C-alpha atoms as a PDB file:
ATOM      1  CA  UNK A   1     -44.754-145.769 186.859  1.00  0.00           C
ATOM      2  CA  UNK A   2     -45.272-148.690 184.468  1.00  0.00           C
ATOM      3  CA  UNK A   3     -45.550-149.003 180.756  1.00  0.00           C
ATOM      4  CA  UNK A   4     -47.056-152.340 179.766  1.00  0.00           C
ATOM      5  CA  UNK A   5     -47.592-153.713 176.292  1.00  0.00           C
ATOM      6  CA  UNK A   6     -48.035-156.898 174.345  1.00  0.00           C
ATOM      7  CA  UNK A   7     -44.798-158.651 173.576  1.00  0.00           C
ATOM      8  CA  UNK A   8     -45.107-158.278 169.800  1.00  0.00           C
ATOM      9  CA  UNK A   9     -43.088-155.307 168.621  1.00  0.00           C
ATOM     10  CA  UNK A  10     -45.080-154.183 165.580  1.00  0.00           C
ATOM     11  CA  UNK A  11     -48.409-152.471 164.965  1.00  0.00           C
ATOM     12  CA  UNK A  12     -49.137-150.942 168.377  1.00  0.00           C
ATOM     13  CA  UNK A  13     -52.783-149.875 168.222  1.00  0.00           C
ATOM     14  CA  UNK A  14     -54.117-148.710 171.595  1.00  0.00           C
ATOM     15  CA  UNK A  15     -52.777-147.632 174.990  1.00  0.00           C
ATOM     16  CA  UNK A  16     -54.216-147.501 178.481  1.00  0.00           C
ATOM     17  CA  UNK A  17     -52.688-145.584 181.401  1.00  0.00           C
ATOM     18  CA  UNK A  18     -53.486-146.504 185.005  1.00  0.00           C
ATOM     19  CA  UNK A  19     -52.085-146.473 188.536  1.00  0.00           C
ATOM     20  CA  UNK A  20     -50.941-149.286 190.820  1.00  0.00           C
ATOM     21  CA  UNK A  21     -48.744-150.074 193.804  1.00  0.00           C
ATOM     22  CA  UNK A  22     -48.872-153.807 193.033  1.00  0.00           C
ATOM     23  CA  UNK A  23     -47.901-154.420 189.392  1.00  0.00           C
ATOM     24  CA  UNK A  24     -48.106-158.222 189.445  1.00  0.00           C
ATOM     25  CA  UNK A  25     -51.635-158.253 190.815  1.00  0.00           C
ATOM     26  CA  UNK A  26     -52.796-155.385 188.607  1.00  0.00           C
ATOM     27  CA  UNK A  27     -51.372-156.962 185.468  1.00  0.00           C
ATOM     28  CA  UNK A  28     -53.228-160.193 186.282  1.00  0.00           C
ATOM     29  CA  UNK A  29     -56.456-158.268 186.852  1.00  0.00           C
ATOM     30  CA  UNK A  30     -56.184-156.513 183.477  1.00  0.00           C
ATOM     31  CA  UNK A  31     -55.507-159.820 181.732  1.00  0.00           C
ATOM     32  CA  UNK A  32     -58.450-161.568 183.436  1.00  0.00           C
ATOM     33  CA  UNK A  33     -60.924-158.774 182.693  1.00  0.00           C
ATOM     34  CA  UNK A  34     -63.156-156.265 184.453  1.00  0.00           C
ATOM     35  CA  UNK A  35     -65.038-158.980 186.373  1.00  0.00           C
ATOM     36  CA  UNK A  36     -61.786-159.712 188.199  1.00  0.00           C
ATOM     37  CA  UNK A  37     -60.804-156.107 188.916  1.00  0.00           C
ATOM     38  CA  UNK A  38     -59.337-155.140 185.551  1.00  0.00           C
ATOM     39  CA  UNK A  39     -60.190-151.927 183.731  1.00  0.00           C
ATOM     40  CA  UNK A  40     -63.101-151.824 181.286  1.00  0.00           C
ATOM     41  CA  UNK A  41     -60.842-150.497 178.521  1.00  0.00           C
ATOM     42  CA  UNK A  42     -58.395-153.398 178.843  1.00  0.00           C
ATOM     43  CA  UNK A  43     -60.961-156.144 179.430  1.00  0.00           C
ATOM     44  CA  UNK A  44     -60.815-158.992 176.878  1.00  0.00           C
ATOM     45  CA  UNK A  45     -57.980-157.289 174.979  1.00  0.00           C
ATOM     46  CA  UNK A  46     -55.003-159.193 176.406  1.00  0.00           C
ATOM     47  CA  UNK A  47     -52.567-160.633 176.927  1.00  0.00           C
ATOM     48  CA  UNK A  48     -50.628-157.698 178.454  1.00  0.00           C
ATOM     49  CA  UNK A  49     -46.969-157.748 179.463  1.00  0.00           C
ATOM     50  CA  UNK A  50     -44.736-155.035 180.920  1.00  0.00           C
ATOM     51  CA  UNK A  51     -42.103-153.433 178.727  1.00  0.00           C
ATOM     52  CA  UNK A  52     -41.060-150.391 180.800  1.00  0.00           C
ATOM     53  CA  UNK A  53     -41.180-149.061 184.345  1.00  0.00           C
ATOM     54  CA  UNK A  54     -40.739-145.519 185.602  1.00  0.00           C
ATOM     55  CA  UNK A  55     -40.131-145.541 189.341  1.00  0.00           C
ATOM     56  CA  UNK A  56     -38.928-143.208 192.067  1.00  0.00           C
ATOM     57  CA  UNK A  57     -42.038-141.173 192.861  1.00  0.00           C
ATOM     58  CA  UNK A  58     -41.830-139.685 196.375  1.00  0.00           C
ATOM     59  CA  UNK A  59     -45.471-140.463 197.194  1.00  0.00           C
ATOM     60  CA  UNK A  60     -48.846-141.486 195.817  1.00  0.00           C
ATOM     61  CA  UNK A  61     -49.946-137.916 195.071  1.00  0.00           C
ATOM     62  CA  UNK A  62     -46.911-137.289 192.853  1.00  0.00           C
ATOM     63  CA  UNK A  63     -47.538-140.531 190.962  1.00  0.00           C
ATOM     64  CA  UNK A  64     -51.234-139.764 190.457  1.00  0.00           C
ATOM     65  CA  UNK A  65     -50.476-136.242 189.212  1.00  0.00           C
ATOM     66  CA  UNK A  66     -47.995-137.684 186.727  1.00  0.00           C
ATOM     67  CA  UNK A  67     -50.550-140.277 185.639  1.00  0.00           C
ATOM     68  CA  UNK A  68     -53.313-137.689 185.112  1.00  0.00           C
ATOM     69  CA  UNK A  69     -51.073-135.406 183.052  1.00  0.00           C
ATOM     70  CA  UNK A  70     -49.993-138.387 180.947  1.00  0.00           C
ATOM     71  CA  UNK A  71     -53.634-139.335 180.356  1.00  0.00           C
ATOM     72  CA  UNK A  72     -54.835-135.802 179.574  1.00  0.00           C
ATOM     73  CA  UNK A  73     -51.876-133.742 178.306  1.00  0.00           C
ATOM     74  CA  UNK A  74     -54.165-131.297 176.504  1.00  0.00           C
ATOM     75  CA  UNK A  75     -55.950-130.445 179.767  1.00  0.00           C
ATOM     76  CA  UNK A  76     -52.851-130.291 181.943  1.00  0.00           C
ATOM     77  CA  UNK A  77     -51.718-126.732 182.690  1.00  0.00           C
ATOM     78  CA  UNK A  78     -48.173-128.120 182.825  1.00  0.00           C
ATOM     79  CA  UNK A  79     -48.246-129.612 179.317  1.00  0.00           C
ATOM     80  CA  UNK A  80     -50.949-127.868 177.282  1.00  0.00           C
ATOM     81  CA  UNK A  81     -48.579-125.106 176.139  1.00  0.00           C
ATOM     82  CA  UNK A  82     -46.520-127.683 174.189  1.00  0.00           C
ATOM     83  CA  UNK A  83     -47.475-127.583 170.474  1.00  0.00           C
ATOM     84  CA  UNK A  84     -49.224-130.737 169.261  1.00  0.00           C
ATOM     85  CA  UNK A  85     -49.310-132.393 172.688  1.00  0.00           C
ATOM     86  CA  UNK A  86     -53.097-132.854 172.762  1.00  0.00           C
ATOM     87  CA  UNK A  87     -53.375-135.192 169.757  1.00  0.00           C
ATOM     88  CA  UNK A  88     -51.476-137.681 167.667  1.00  0.00           C
ATOM     89  CA  UNK A  89     -49.587-136.691 164.557  1.00  0.00           C
ATOM     90  CA  UNK A  90     -50.510-138.200 161.180  1.00  0.00           C
ATOM     91  CA  UNK A  91     -49.474-141.878 161.035  1.00  0.00           C
ATOM     92  CA  UNK A  92     -48.261-141.759 164.658  1.00  0.00           C
ATOM     93  CA  UNK A  93     -49.230-144.880 166.641  1.00  0.00           C
ATOM     94  CA  UNK A  94     -50.838-144.637 170.079  1.00  0.00           C
ATOM     95  CA  UNK A  95     -47.749-146.204 171.623  1.00  0.00           C
ATOM     96  CA  UNK A  96     -45.361-143.748 169.955  1.00  0.00           C
ATOM     97  CA  UNK A  97     -47.662-140.869 170.883  1.00  0.00           C
ATOM     98  CA  UNK A  98     -47.621-141.770 174.583  1.00  0.00           C
ATOM     99  CA  UNK A  99     -43.846-142.119 174.513  1.00  0.00           C
ATOM    100  CA  UNK A 100     -43.665-138.648 172.955  1.00  0.00           C
ATOM    101  CA  UNK A 101     -45.834-137.276 175.761  1.00  0.00           C
ATOM    102  CA  UNK A 102     -43.566-138.977 178.294  1.00  0.00           C
ATOM    103  CA  UNK A 103     -40.447-137.452 176.749  1.00  0.00           C
ATOM    104  CA  UNK A 104     -42.022-133.995 177.057  1.00  0.00           C
ATOM    105  CA  UNK A 105     -43.213-134.579 180.637  1.00  0.00           C
ATOM    106  CA  UNK A 106     -39.763-135.556 181.868  1.00  0.00           C
ATOM    107  CA  UNK A 107     -38.403-132.173 180.756  1.00  0.00           C
ATOM    108  CA  UNK A 108     -40.902-129.768 182.351  1.00  0.00           C
ATOM    109  CA  UNK A 109     -41.256-128.531 185.940  1.00  0.00           C
ATOM    110  CA  UNK A 110     -42.204-130.098 188.324  1.00  0.00           C
ATOM    111  CA  UNK A 111     -41.758-133.518 186.708  1.00  0.00           C
ATOM    112  CA  UNK A 112     -38.182-132.823 185.599  1.00  0.00           C
ATOM    113  CA  UNK A 113     -37.138-132.452 189.260  1.00  0.00           C
ATOM    114  CA  UNK A 114     -38.499-135.814 190.413  1.00  0.00           C
ATOM    115  CA  UNK A 115     -35.891-138.513 191.212  1.00  0.00           C
ATOM    116  CA  UNK A 116     -37.218-140.882 188.550  1.00  0.00           C
ATOM    117  CA  UNK A 117     -35.618-143.845 186.812  1.00  0.00           C
ATOM    118  CA  UNK A 118     -36.664-145.223 183.428  1.00  0.00           C
ATOM    119  CA  UNK A 119     -36.279-148.991 183.079  1.00  0.00           C
ATOM    120  CA  UNK A 120     -36.949-150.772 179.794  1.00  0.00           C
ATOM    121  CA  UNK A 121     -37.562-154.465 180.438  1.00  0.00           C
ATOM    122  CA  UNK A 122     -36.649-155.799 177.005  1.00  0.00           C
ATOM    123  CA  UNK A 123     -34.241-154.942 174.206  1.00  0.00           C
ATOM    124  CA  UNK A 124     -37.074-155.744 171.785  1.00  0.00           C
ATOM    125  CA  UNK A 125     -39.040-152.716 172.962  1.00  0.00           C
ATOM    126  CA  UNK A 126     -36.219-150.335 173.854  1.00  0.00           C
ATOM    127  CA  UNK A 127     -36.612-146.951 172.176  1.00  0.00           C
ATOM    128  CA  UNK A 128     -34.133-144.097 172.366  1.00  0.00           C
ATOM    129  CA  UNK A 129     -35.454-140.709 173.393  1.00  0.00           C
ATOM    130  CA  UNK A 130     -35.114-138.093 170.637  1.00  0.00           C
ATOM    131  CA  UNK A 131     -31.969-135.985 170.935  1.00  0.00           C
ATOM    132  CA  UNK A 132     -34.067-132.861 171.427  1.00  0.00           C
ATOM    133  CA  UNK A 133     -36.069-134.503 174.254  1.00  0.00           C
ATOM    134  CA  UNK A 134     -33.479-136.320 176.348  1.00  0.00           C
ATOM    135  CA  UNK A 135     -34.524-136.697 180.032  1.00  0.00           C
ATOM    136  CA  UNK A 136     -32.534-134.779 182.685  1.00  0.00           C
ATOM    137  CA  UNK A 137     -29.112-136.169 183.557  1.00  0.00           C
ATOM    138  CA  UNK A 138     -30.208-137.253 187.041  1.00  0.00           C
ATOM    139  CA  UNK A 139     -32.787-139.655 185.573  1.00  0.00           C
ATOM    140  CA  UNK A 140     -31.215-143.023 184.837  1.00  0.00           C
ATOM    141  CA  UNK A 141     -32.251-144.966 181.721  1.00  0.00           C
ATOM    142  CA  UNK A 142     -31.637-148.720 181.910  1.00  0.00           C
ATOM    143  CA  UNK A 143     -32.615-151.835 180.015  1.00  0.00           C
ATOM    144  CA  UNK A 144     -33.032-155.409 181.207  1.00  0.00           C
ATOM    145  CA  UNK A 145     -35.073-157.623 183.480  1.00  0.00           C
ATOM    146  CA  UNK A 146     -35.130-156.513 187.087  1.00  0.00           C
ATOM    147  CA  UNK A 147     -36.311-157.574 190.510  1.00  0.00           C
ATOM    148  CA  UNK A 148     -37.646-155.379 193.267  1.00  0.00           C
ATOM    149  CA  UNK A 149     -36.671-155.842 196.894  1.00  0.00           C
ATOM    150  CA  UNK A 150     -36.744-153.859 200.087  1.00  0.00           C
ATOM    151  CA  UNK A 151     -33.326-152.705 201.308  1.00  0.00           C
ATOM    152  CA  UNK A 152     -34.520-152.509 204.902  1.00  0.00           C
ATOM    153  CA  UNK A 153     -37.735-153.414 206.639  1.00  0.00           C
ATOM    154  CA  UNK A 154     -37.771-150.085 208.449  1.00  0.00           C
ATOM    155  CA  UNK A 155     -36.394-146.621 207.871  1.00  0.00           C
ATOM    156  CA  UNK A 156     -32.653-145.860 207.846  1.00  0.00           C
ATOM    157  CA  UNK A 157     -31.125-147.989 210.631  1.00  0.00           C
ATOM    158  CA  UNK A 158     -28.654-145.211 211.479  1.00  0.00           C
ATOM    159  CA  UNK A 159     -31.566-142.917 212.260  1.00  0.00           C
ATOM    160  CA  UNK A 160     -33.385-145.567 214.297  1.00  0.00           C
ATOM    161  CA  UNK A 161     -30.276-146.280 216.390  1.00  0.00           C
ATOM    162  CA  UNK A 162     -29.820-142.573 217.079  1.00  0.00           C
ATOM    163  CA  UNK A 163     -33.173-142.138 218.835  1.00  0.00           C
ATOM    164  CA  UNK A 164     -31.658-142.394 222.327  1.00  0.00           C
ATOM    165  CA  UNK A 165     -28.441-140.542 221.480  1.00  0.00           C
ATOM    166  CA  UNK A 166     -28.000-136.783 221.238  1.00  0.00           C
ATOM    167  CA  UNK A 167     -27.207-135.969 217.612  1.00  0.00           C
ATOM    168  CA  UNK A 168     -25.764-132.694 216.340  1.00  0.00           C
ATOM    169  CA  UNK A 169     -26.205-131.436 212.795  1.00  0.00           C
ATOM    170  CA  UNK A 170     -22.858-131.316 210.955  1.00  0.00           C
ATOM    171  CA  UNK A 171     -24.023-128.229 209.058  1.00  0.00           C
ATOM    172  CA  UNK A 172     -25.670-125.938 211.629  1.00  0.00           C
ATOM    173  CA  UNK A 173     -24.129-127.551 214.778  1.00  0.00           C
ATOM    174  CA  UNK A 174     -27.517-127.558 216.527  1.00  0.00           C
ATOM    175  CA  UNK A 175     -29.120-130.565 218.203  1.00  0.00           C
ATOM    176  CA  UNK A 176     -31.376-132.694 216.015  1.00  0.00           C
ATOM    177  CA  UNK A 177     -34.426-132.770 218.273  1.00  0.00           C
ATOM    178  CA  UNK A 178     -36.404-135.387 216.351  1.00  0.00           C
ATOM    179  CA  UNK A 179     -34.042-137.689 214.410  1.00  0.00           C
ATOM    180  CA  UNK A 180     -36.878-139.840 213.087  1.00  0.00           C
ATOM    181  CA  UNK A 181     -38.376-136.922 211.148  1.00  0.00           C
ATOM    182  CA  UNK A 182     -35.550-134.380 210.890  1.00  0.00           C
ATOM    183  CA  UNK A 183     -32.316-136.353 210.450  1.00  0.00           C
ATOM    184  CA  UNK A 184     -30.687-137.503 207.221  1.00  0.00           C
ATOM    185  CA  UNK A 185     -27.458-139.383 206.496  1.00  0.00           C
ATOM    186  CA  UNK A 186     -25.246-139.862 203.441  1.00  0.00           C
ATOM    187  CA  UNK A 187     -25.746-142.839 201.114  1.00  0.00           C
ATOM    188  CA  UNK A 188     -21.980-143.381 201.068  1.00  0.00           C
ATOM    189  CA  UNK A 189     -21.446-146.167 203.640  1.00  0.00           C
ATOM    190  CA  UNK A 190     -18.065-144.781 204.700  1.00  0.00           C
ATOM    191  CA  UNK A 191     -19.410-141.246 205.215  1.00  0.00           C
ATOM    192  CA  UNK A 192     -20.468-140.205 208.724  1.00  0.00           C
ATOM    193  CA  UNK A 193     -22.533-137.168 207.743  1.00  0.00           C
ATOM    194  CA  UNK A 194     -25.451-136.412 210.073  1.00  0.00           C
ATOM    195  CA  UNK A 195     -27.634-133.366 209.441  1.00  0.00           C
ATOM    196  CA  UNK A 196     -31.090-131.858 209.451  1.00  0.00           C
ATOM    197  CA  UNK A 197     -32.954-132.581 206.217  1.00  0.00           C
ATOM    198  CA  UNK A 198     -33.604-128.857 205.785  1.00  0.00           C
ATOM    199  CA  UNK A 199     -29.953-127.940 206.369  1.00  0.00           C
ATOM    200  CA  UNK A 200     -28.691-130.400 203.761  1.00  0.00           C
ATOM    201  CA  UNK A 201     -31.366-129.323 201.277  1.00  0.00           C
ATOM    202  CA  UNK A 202     -30.341-125.679 201.672  1.00  0.00           C
ATOM    203  CA  UNK A 203     -26.683-126.680 201.283  1.00  0.00           C
ATOM    204  CA  UNK A 204     -27.471-128.496 198.024  1.00  0.00           C
ATOM    205  CA  UNK A 205     -29.473-125.551 196.689  1.00  0.00           C
ATOM    206  CA  UNK A 206     -26.601-123.128 197.276  1.00  0.00           C
ATOM    207  CA  UNK A 207     -24.535-122.626 194.160  1.00  0.00           C
ATOM    208  CA  UNK A 208     -27.064-124.430 191.959  1.00  0.00           C
ATOM    209  CA  UNK A 209     -29.439-122.794 189.514  1.00  0.00           C
ATOM    210  CA  UNK A 210     -32.407-123.708 191.696  1.00  0.00           C
ATOM    211  CA  UNK A 211     -33.736-120.280 192.614  1.00  0.00           C
ATOM    212  CA  UNK A 212     -37.161-120.442 194.197  1.00  0.00           C
ATOM    213  CA  UNK A 213     -36.939-124.204 194.720  1.00  0.00           C
ATOM    214  CA  UNK A 214     -37.307-125.898 198.110  1.00  0.00           C
ATOM    215  CA  UNK A 215     -36.318-129.459 197.208  1.00  0.00           C
ATOM    216  CA  UNK A 216     -32.963-129.968 195.445  1.00  0.00           C
ATOM    217  CA  UNK A 217     -32.212-132.441 192.676  1.00  0.00           C
ATOM    218  CA  UNK A 218     -28.625-133.180 193.624  1.00  0.00           C
ATOM    219  CA  UNK A 219     -25.638-131.758 195.436  1.00  0.00           C
ATOM    220  CA  UNK A 220     -22.230-132.427 196.961  1.00  0.00           C
ATOM    221  CA  UNK A 221     -22.017-134.022 200.399  1.00  0.00           C
ATOM    222  CA  UNK A 222     -20.305-131.497 202.728  1.00  0.00           C
ATOM    223  CA  UNK A 223     -18.471-134.351 204.452  1.00  0.00           C
ATOM    224  CA  UNK A 224     -17.293-136.849 201.809  1.00  0.00           C
ATOM    225  CA  UNK A 225     -17.643-134.366 198.898  1.00  0.00           C
ATOM    226  CA  UNK A 226     -19.321-136.945 196.672  1.00  0.00           C
ATOM    227  CA  UNK A 227     -22.062-135.859 194.280  1.00  0.00           C
ATOM    228  CA  UNK A 228     -25.382-137.212 195.552  1.00  0.00           C
ATOM    229  CA  UNK A 229     -28.924-137.385 194.210  1.00  0.00           C
ATOM    230  CA  UNK A 230     -31.518-136.057 196.628  1.00  0.00           C
ATOM    231  CA  UNK A 231     -33.899-138.874 195.721  1.00  0.00           C
ATOM    232  CA  UNK A 232     -31.311-141.476 196.768  1.00  0.00           C
ATOM    233  CA  UNK A 233     -30.915-139.789 200.157  1.00  0.00           C
ATOM    234  CA  UNK A 234     -34.662-139.773 200.792  1.00  0.00           C
ATOM    235  CA  UNK A 235     -35.059-143.386 199.666  1.00  0.00           C
ATOM    236  CA  UNK A 236     -32.305-144.426 202.083  1.00  0.00           C
ATOM    237  CA  UNK A 237     -33.974-142.502 204.900  1.00  0.00           C
ATOM    238  CA  UNK A 238     -37.330-144.169 204.276  1.00  0.00           C
ATOM    239  CA  UNK A 239     -35.906-147.641 203.671  1.00  0.00           C
ATOM    240  CA  UNK A 240     -37.729-147.790 200.360  1.00  0.00           C
ATOM    241  CA  UNK A 241     -37.633-150.677 197.971  1.00  0.00           C
ATOM    242  CA  UNK A 242     -34.823-150.685 195.442  1.00  0.00           C
ATOM    243  CA  UNK A 243     -34.920-152.023 191.892  1.00  0.00           C
ATOM    244  CA  UNK A 244     -31.825-153.911 190.799  1.00  0.00           C
ATOM    245  CA  UNK A 245     -30.744-155.708 187.607  1.00  0.00           C
ATOM    246  CA  UNK A 246     -31.504-159.431 187.700  1.00  0.00           C
ATOM    247  CA  UNK A 247     -28.638-160.865 185.666  1.00  0.00           C
ATOM    248  CA  UNK A 248     -29.596-164.490 186.348  1.00  0.00           C
ATOM    249  CA  UNK A 249     -33.254-164.172 185.438  1.00  0.00           C
ATOM    250  CA  UNK A 250     -34.120-165.536 181.997  1.00  0.00           C
ATOM    251  CA  UNK A 251     -37.842-165.821 182.725  1.00  0.00           C
ATOM    252  CA  UNK A 252     -40.545-163.196 182.458  1.00  0.00           C
ATOM    253  CA  UNK A 253     -40.136-159.946 184.354  1.00  0.00           C
ATOM    254  CA  UNK A 254     -41.346-160.099 187.945  1.00  0.00           C
ATOM    255  CA  UNK A 255     -41.772-157.654 190.805  1.00  0.00           C
ATOM    256  CA  UNK A 256     -42.381-159.224 194.195  1.00  0.00           C
ATOM    257  CA  UNK A 257     -45.193-157.811 196.311  1.00  0.00           C
ATOM    258  CA  UNK A 258     -43.623-155.925 199.204  1.00  0.00           C
ATOM    259  CA  UNK A 259     -46.746-155.091 201.150  1.00  0.00           C
ATOM    260  CA  UNK A 260     -50.092-156.661 201.991  1.00  0.00           C
ATOM    261  CA  UNK A 261     -51.719-153.233 202.155  1.00  0.00           C
ATOM    262  CA  UNK A 262     -51.380-151.100 199.038  1.00  0.00           C
ATOM    263  CA  UNK A 263     -52.374-147.934 200.873  1.00  0.00           C
ATOM    264  CA  UNK A 264     -49.492-148.278 203.331  1.00  0.00           C
ATOM    265  CA  UNK A 265     -46.786-148.711 200.721  1.00  0.00           C
ATOM    266  CA  UNK A 266     -46.589-145.283 199.144  1.00  0.00           C
ATOM    267  CA  UNK A 267     -42.878-145.463 198.332  1.00  0.00           C
ATOM    268  CA  UNK A 268     -43.638-148.088 195.661  1.00  0.00           C
ATOM    269  CA  UNK A 269     -46.290-146.023 193.859  1.00  0.00           C
ATOM    270  CA  UNK A 270     -46.352-146.482 190.125  1.00  0.00           C
ATOM    271  CA  UNK A 271     -48.531-145.847 187.079  1.00  0.00           C
ATOM    272  CA  UNK A 272     -49.248-148.222 184.215  1.00  0.00           C
ATOM    273  CA  UNK A 273     -49.354-147.729 180.472  1.00  0.00           C
ATOM    274  CA  UNK A 274     -50.875-150.669 178.600  1.00  0.00           C
ATOM    275  CA  UNK A 275     -50.826-150.986 174.846  1.00  0.00           C
ATOM    276  CA  UNK A 276     -52.836-153.245 172.557  1.00  0.00           C
ATOM    277  CA  UNK A 277     -51.736-154.623 169.196  1.00  0.00           C
ATOM    278  CA  UNK A 278     -53.443-156.313 166.286  1.00  0.00           C
END
């Protein structure tokens, strides 16, 4: 999920929300205009630069649902019950309005259960969430330039190496018949936990106030006893890209393209918010 804006801080006038799995290419397209693949609403209104990213969507469908609700909060059955969500308040800028929508979205089901991270790319644009609309504790809020890289080229190497070895679940003690699809391991490098995904999910849900839920938000590893985020476990299993602080980068923000085919890189799905200024 991306929020993009012009680099000037004041007088935000207009916003545009879109979807991409390749932010560098999409940003260039928007800046070059609709004849080069950019959106009609952003054509000839640049330049556009990124100021925030929301990442961690489990798949393209989740990202697109988030994008649609952000675009049309008054039509979304998830958001339309929130008073004043369908239109801007008096003297409220488009940019501030979309940030207000975002702060509401991050606190309602199902969005509040997603393993999302909020990354501001510049101190100049950083805005605190209102005290009454703070995102859930499992969603990290960071600020600074970042780079994006793939931790592994394939899925979890522990799972790949276990394909020809009989593996037993540490929770139910049964054989893991299909490690590639059913097995999960701890993110703690010193922990040797091996279990079925379903078994660990059920373990995490026990004792938490997650009645009726199938996918947990977080839980304690039954082996090393460390508190873990479910999103981190799934990202490790899939070998997804990770976003890390780039302390040595003094240039403009950059995300490297990790895939030649956008449709095959669902773990990197994101949505854009552009804003125009006078």
